[in-house]
Amino acid sequence: MRLVAPPRAIAALGAAAAVLAPTLMWVEFIATGLSRPGYSLILGAASDLGAVGTPGADAFVAGFFVLPGLFTIVLGTVLQLSQPAVWMWRAGACLVVVDGLLLILAGAVRMDPFSAATTQRHQAIATACFAAAAAAPLLLAAGSRVRWPVVPQARWFVLGALLVGLLAIASLLRLAAGYPDGIFQRPFGVLLTVWYLDAAAWLARSATQHRLRGGAIRPPAATPSDPVR
């Protein structure tokens, strides 16, 4: 199958976006959390740091929601360009873009201690954002069989399965008893960061190893020393 792929510069842009999105989120979360007396970096909900009326909320929203959302959209767009018409890959890449859009929207509709309706809307958007982020690695892995260089398919399947499982368990626990949001958000964030960085590494390899030929990217030509396949 002929592999339609973006130019090297665009693959490198996607790799940079995949690194910057989670890095900004963690830096903003840790820095803002440490500056808030009484806030728990382990148990606290990240959205509480950007709630209406809290000190430094605007800066937190920009660094935790808006900019990482924009970088996530860039990543999803680059992934969309890097595969032929394989619907599962394209669906996964679209979910990455949707995840970025929902992240920005969650920053626009903030937690509001004076409005239960606004807080509920924020929580619904955040839940949809988590769901899109969890499903995307699974679909990308399922649609990645013809990629060059080879997508780390098994790792993406495992990461996606862990993300979906964690989200399902958290949803059930919330219905049953409730729990501190941080207990779910911290491990989810760590797993998602691993996937972002793995995607960044794959795109970086794509940018350096691919050879452009007439708008398509193909594996490097075999050399006499290569084993016969």
Protein backbone atom coordinates (compact mmCIF):
# COMPACT_ATOMS: atom_id res chain seq x y z
CA MET A 1 0.00 0.00 0.00
CA ARG A 2 1.27 3.46 -0.90
CA LEU A 3 1.83 5.52 2.24
CA VAL A 4 0.78 9.14 2.01
CA ALA A 5 2.62 11.12 4.64
CA PRO A 6 3.40 14.70 5.59
CA PRO A 7 6.76 16.34 4.83
CA ARG A 8 9.51 15.89 7.36
CA ALA A 9 9.05 19.38 8.79
CA ILE A 10 5.39 18.67 9.56
CA ALA A 11 6.27 15.35 11.22
CA ALA A 12 8.82 17.22 13.34
CA LEU A 13 6.15 19.81 14.22
CA GLY A 14 3.84 17.03 15.39
CA ALA A 15 6.62 15.54 17.51
CA ALA A 16 7.29 18.92 19.14
CA ALA A 17 3.57 19.42 19.83
CA ALA A 18 3.35 15.95 21.41
CA VAL A 19 6.13 16.88 23.83
CA LEU A 20 4.94 20.39 24.62
CA ALA A 21 1.29 19.55 25.37
CA PRO A 22 1.83 17.28 28.41
CA THR A 23 4.92 19.19 29.54
CA LEU A 24 2.99 22.45 29.78
CA MET A 25 0.13 20.75 31.61
CA TRP A 26 2.36 19.16 34.24
CA VAL A 27 4.48 22.29 34.77
CA GLU A 28 1.41 24.51 35.11
CA PHE A 29 -0.36 22.04 37.40
CA ILE A 30 2.59 21.49 39.74
CA ALA A 31 3.63 25.15 39.87
CA THR A 32 0.10 26.41 40.52
CA GLY A 33 -0.72 23.60 42.95
CA LEU A 34 2.37 24.31 45.04
CA SER A 35 1.43 27.98 45.22
CA ARG A 36 -2.04 27.25 46.66
CA PRO A 37 -2.03 26.69 50.42
CA GLY A 38 -3.85 23.51 51.36
CA TYR A 39 -4.09 22.15 47.82
CA SER A 40 -3.13 18.47 47.41
CA LEU A 41 -1.19 17.58 44.26
CA ILE A 42 -2.22 13.95 44.81
CA LEU A 43 -5.91 14.27 45.65
CA GLY A 44 -6.96 17.66 44.24
CA ALA A 45 -8.85 18.09 40.98
CA ALA A 46 -6.82 20.03 38.44
CA SER A 47 -9.87 22.06 37.44
CA ASP A 48 -10.09 23.52 40.96
CA LEU A 49 -6.94 25.52 40.21
CA GLY A 50 -8.70 27.31 37.35
CA ALA A 51 -12.03 27.83 39.08
CA VAL A 52 -13.72 31.21 38.80
CA GLY A 53 -12.56 33.60 41.51
CA THR A 54 -9.37 31.71 42.48
CA PRO A 55 -6.01 33.53 42.36
CA GLY A 56 -4.02 32.97 39.16
CA ALA A 57 -6.91 31.14 37.50
CA ASP A 58 -6.50 32.86 34.13
CA ALA A 59 -2.81 31.95 33.88
CA PHE A 60 -3.61 28.37 34.87
CA VAL A 61 -6.34 28.07 32.25
CA ALA A 62 -3.97 29.36 29.56
CA GLY A 63 -1.14 27.02 30.53
CA PHE A 64 -3.17 23.92 31.41
CA PHE A 65 -6.12 24.03 29.01
CA VAL A 66 -5.68 26.42 26.09
CA LEU A 67 -2.06 25.99 24.97
CA PRO A 68 -1.94 22.19 25.52
CA GLY A 69 -5.26 21.98 23.67
CA LEU A 70 -3.79 23.83 20.69
CA PHE A 71 -0.72 21.58 20.68
CA THR A 72 -2.97 18.52 20.87
CA ILE A 73 -4.90 19.75 17.82
CA VAL A 74 -1.60 20.12 15.96
CA LEU A 75 -0.62 16.57 16.93
CA GLY A 76 -3.94 15.14 15.79
CA THR A 77 -3.75 16.99 12.48
CA VAL A 78 -0.24 15.67 11.78
CA LEU A 79 -1.35 12.13 12.65
CA GLN A 80 -4.31 12.56 10.31
CA LEU A 81 -1.91 13.38 7.47
CA SER A 82 0.40 10.44 8.12
CA GLN A 83 -1.78 7.50 7.07
CA PRO A 84 -3.68 6.45 3.95
CA ALA A 85 -7.40 5.74 3.98
CA VAL A 86 -7.46 3.50 7.03
CA TRP A 87 -10.62 4.52 8.85
CA MET A 88 -9.49 3.41 12.33
CA TRP A 89 -6.30 5.46 12.10
CA ARG A 90 -8.19 8.49 10.84
CA ALA A 91 -10.82 8.07 13.55
CA GLY A 92 -8.10 7.91 16.20
CA ALA A 93 -6.40 11.01 14.80
CA CYS A 94 -9.76 12.81 14.75
CA LEU A 95 -10.26 11.91 18.40
CA VAL A 96 -6.90 13.50 19.21
CA VAL A 97 -8.12 16.71 17.53
CA VAL A 98 -11.45 16.48 19.37
CA ASP A 99 -9.56 15.97 22.63
CA GLY A 100 -7.66 19.20 22.02
CA LEU A 101 -10.85 21.10 21.21
CA LEU A 102 -12.57 19.77 24.34
CA LEU A 103 -9.56 20.72 26.44
CA ILE A 104 -9.82 24.31 25.22
CA LEU A 105 -13.59 24.28 25.79
CA ALA A 106 -13.09 22.97 29.34
CA GLY A 107 -10.87 25.98 29.96
CA ALA A 108 -13.53 28.32 28.60
CA VAL A 109 -16.30 26.75 30.73
CA ARG A 110 -14.59 26.76 34.10
CA MET A 111 -15.55 25.38 37.46
CA ASP A 112 -17.65 28.02 39.20
CA PRO A 113 -18.32 27.77 42.95
CA PHE A 114 -21.22 30.20 42.48
CA SER A 115 -22.95 28.26 39.67
CA ALA A 116 -23.72 24.57 39.93
CA ALA A 117 -24.91 24.50 36.31
CA THR A 118 -21.62 25.88 34.99
CA THR A 119 -19.64 23.45 37.12
CA GLN A 120 -21.71 20.55 35.78
CA ARG A 121 -21.10 21.68 32.20
CA HIS A 122 -17.36 21.82 32.88
CA GLN A 123 -17.42 18.33 34.37
CA ALA A 124 -19.34 16.96 31.38
CA ILE A 125 -16.84 18.50 28.96
CA ALA A 126 -13.93 17.14 31.01
CA THR A 127 -15.44 13.64 30.98
CA ALA A 128 -15.80 13.77 27.19
CA CYS A 129 -12.21 15.00 26.96
CA PHE A 130 -10.97 12.04 29.04
CA ALA A 131 -12.99 9.62 26.91
CA ALA A 132 -11.57 10.94 23.62
CA ALA A 133 -8.03 10.83 25.00
CA ALA A 134 -8.50 7.25 26.20
CA ALA A 135 -9.98 5.88 22.96
CA ALA A 136 -7.56 7.57 20.55
CA PRO A 137 -4.49 5.33 21.19
CA LEU A 138 -6.61 2.18 20.72
CA LEU A 139 -7.93 3.29 17.32
CA LEU A 140 -4.52 4.52 16.17
CA ALA A 141 -2.92 1.21 17.13
CA ALA A 142 -5.66 -0.75 15.36
CA GLY A 143 -5.17 1.26 12.17
CA SER A 144 -1.37 1.35 12.20
CA ARG A 145 -0.40 -1.92 10.54
CA VAL A 146 0.97 -0.36 7.37
CA ARG A 147 2.96 2.50 8.88
CA TRP A 148 6.66 3.04 8.30
CA PRO A 149 8.54 3.20 10.58
CA VAL A 150 6.49 0.70 12.53
CA VAL A 151 4.15 2.26 15.07
CA PRO A 152 4.71 0.84 18.59
CA GLN A 153 1.38 -0.92 18.16
CA ALA A 154 1.47 -3.17 21.22
CA ARG A 155 2.38 -0.29 23.56
CA TRP A 156 -0.40 1.91 22.17
CA PHE A 157 -2.90 -0.91 22.60
CA VAL A 158 -1.81 -1.43 26.20
CA LEU A 159 -1.83 2.28 27.02
CA GLY A 160 -5.24 2.74 25.41
CA ALA A 161 -6.66 -0.26 27.26
CA LEU A 162 -5.31 1.02 30.58
CA LEU A 163 -6.74 4.50 29.94
CA VAL A 164 -10.17 3.15 29.00
CA GLY A 165 -10.16 0.76 31.96
CA LEU A 166 -9.16 3.50 34.39
CA LEU A 167 -11.87 5.79 33.06
CA ALA A 168 -14.48 3.03 33.36
CA ILE A 169 -13.49 2.21 36.94
CA ALA A 170 -13.51 5.90 37.91
CA SER A 171 -16.97 6.36 36.38
CA LEU A 172 -18.36 3.38 38.30
CA LEU A 173 -16.80 4.53 41.56
CA ARG A 174 -18.20 8.01 41.09
CA LEU A 175 -21.70 6.57 40.69
CA ALA A 176 -21.28 4.31 43.71
CA ALA A 177 -19.56 6.43 46.31
CA GLY A 178 -17.48 9.29 44.96
CA TYR A 179 -13.76 9.84 45.53
CA PRO A 180 -11.12 12.62 45.34
CA ASP A 181 -10.68 13.44 41.65
CA GLY A 182 -6.91 13.41 41.89
CA ILE A 183 -6.88 9.67 42.56
CA PHE A 184 -8.13 9.20 38.98
CA GLN A 185 -6.56 12.21 37.28
CA ARG A 186 -2.93 11.65 38.32
CA PRO A 187 -2.52 8.07 37.01
CA PHE A 188 -4.59 8.93 33.92
CA GLY A 189 -2.33 11.91 33.28
CA VAL A 190 0.82 9.81 33.66
CA LEU A 191 -0.43 7.14 31.22
CA LEU A 192 -1.53 9.77 28.71
CA THR A 193 1.84 11.51 28.99
CA VAL A 194 3.58 8.23 28.18
CA TRP A 195 1.47 7.94 25.03
CA TYR A 196 2.16 11.56 24.01
CA LEU A 197 5.90 11.04 24.39
CA ASP A 198 5.77 7.71 22.53
CA ALA A 199 3.88 9.41 19.70
CA ALA A 200 6.49 12.18 19.71
CA ALA A 201 9.31 9.64 19.43
CA TRP A 202 7.56 7.88 16.55
CA LEU A 203 6.97 11.13 14.66
CA ALA A 204 10.60 12.14 15.25
CA ARG A 205 11.73 8.83 13.72
CA SER A 206 9.34 9.45 10.83
CA ALA A 207 10.90 12.85 10.24
CA THR A 208 14.45 11.47 10.16
CA GLN A 209 14.02 8.04 8.55
CA HIS A 210 11.42 8.57 5.85
CA ARG A 211 12.39 9.20 2.26
CA LEU A 212 10.02 11.34 0.23
CA ARG A 213 9.29 10.03 -3.27
CA GLY A 214 6.69 11.77 -5.35
CA GLY A 215 4.57 12.82 -2.37
CA ALA A 216 4.70 9.41 -0.71
CA ILE A 217 6.95 8.14 2.04
CA ARG A 218 8.50 4.73 1.65
CA PRO A 219 11.00 2.67 3.62
CA PRO A 220 14.68 3.35 2.86
CA ALA A 221 15.98 1.36 -0.10
CA ALA A 222 17.59 -1.97 0.75
CA THR A 223 21.38 -2.14 0.77
CA PRO A 224 23.52 -5.16 -0.24
CA SER A 225 24.11 -5.88 3.46
CA ASP A 226 20.39 -6.11 4.22
CA PRO A 227 19.08 -9.64 4.78
CA VAL A 228 16.97 -11.06 1.99
CA ARG A 229 13.26 -10.93 2.82
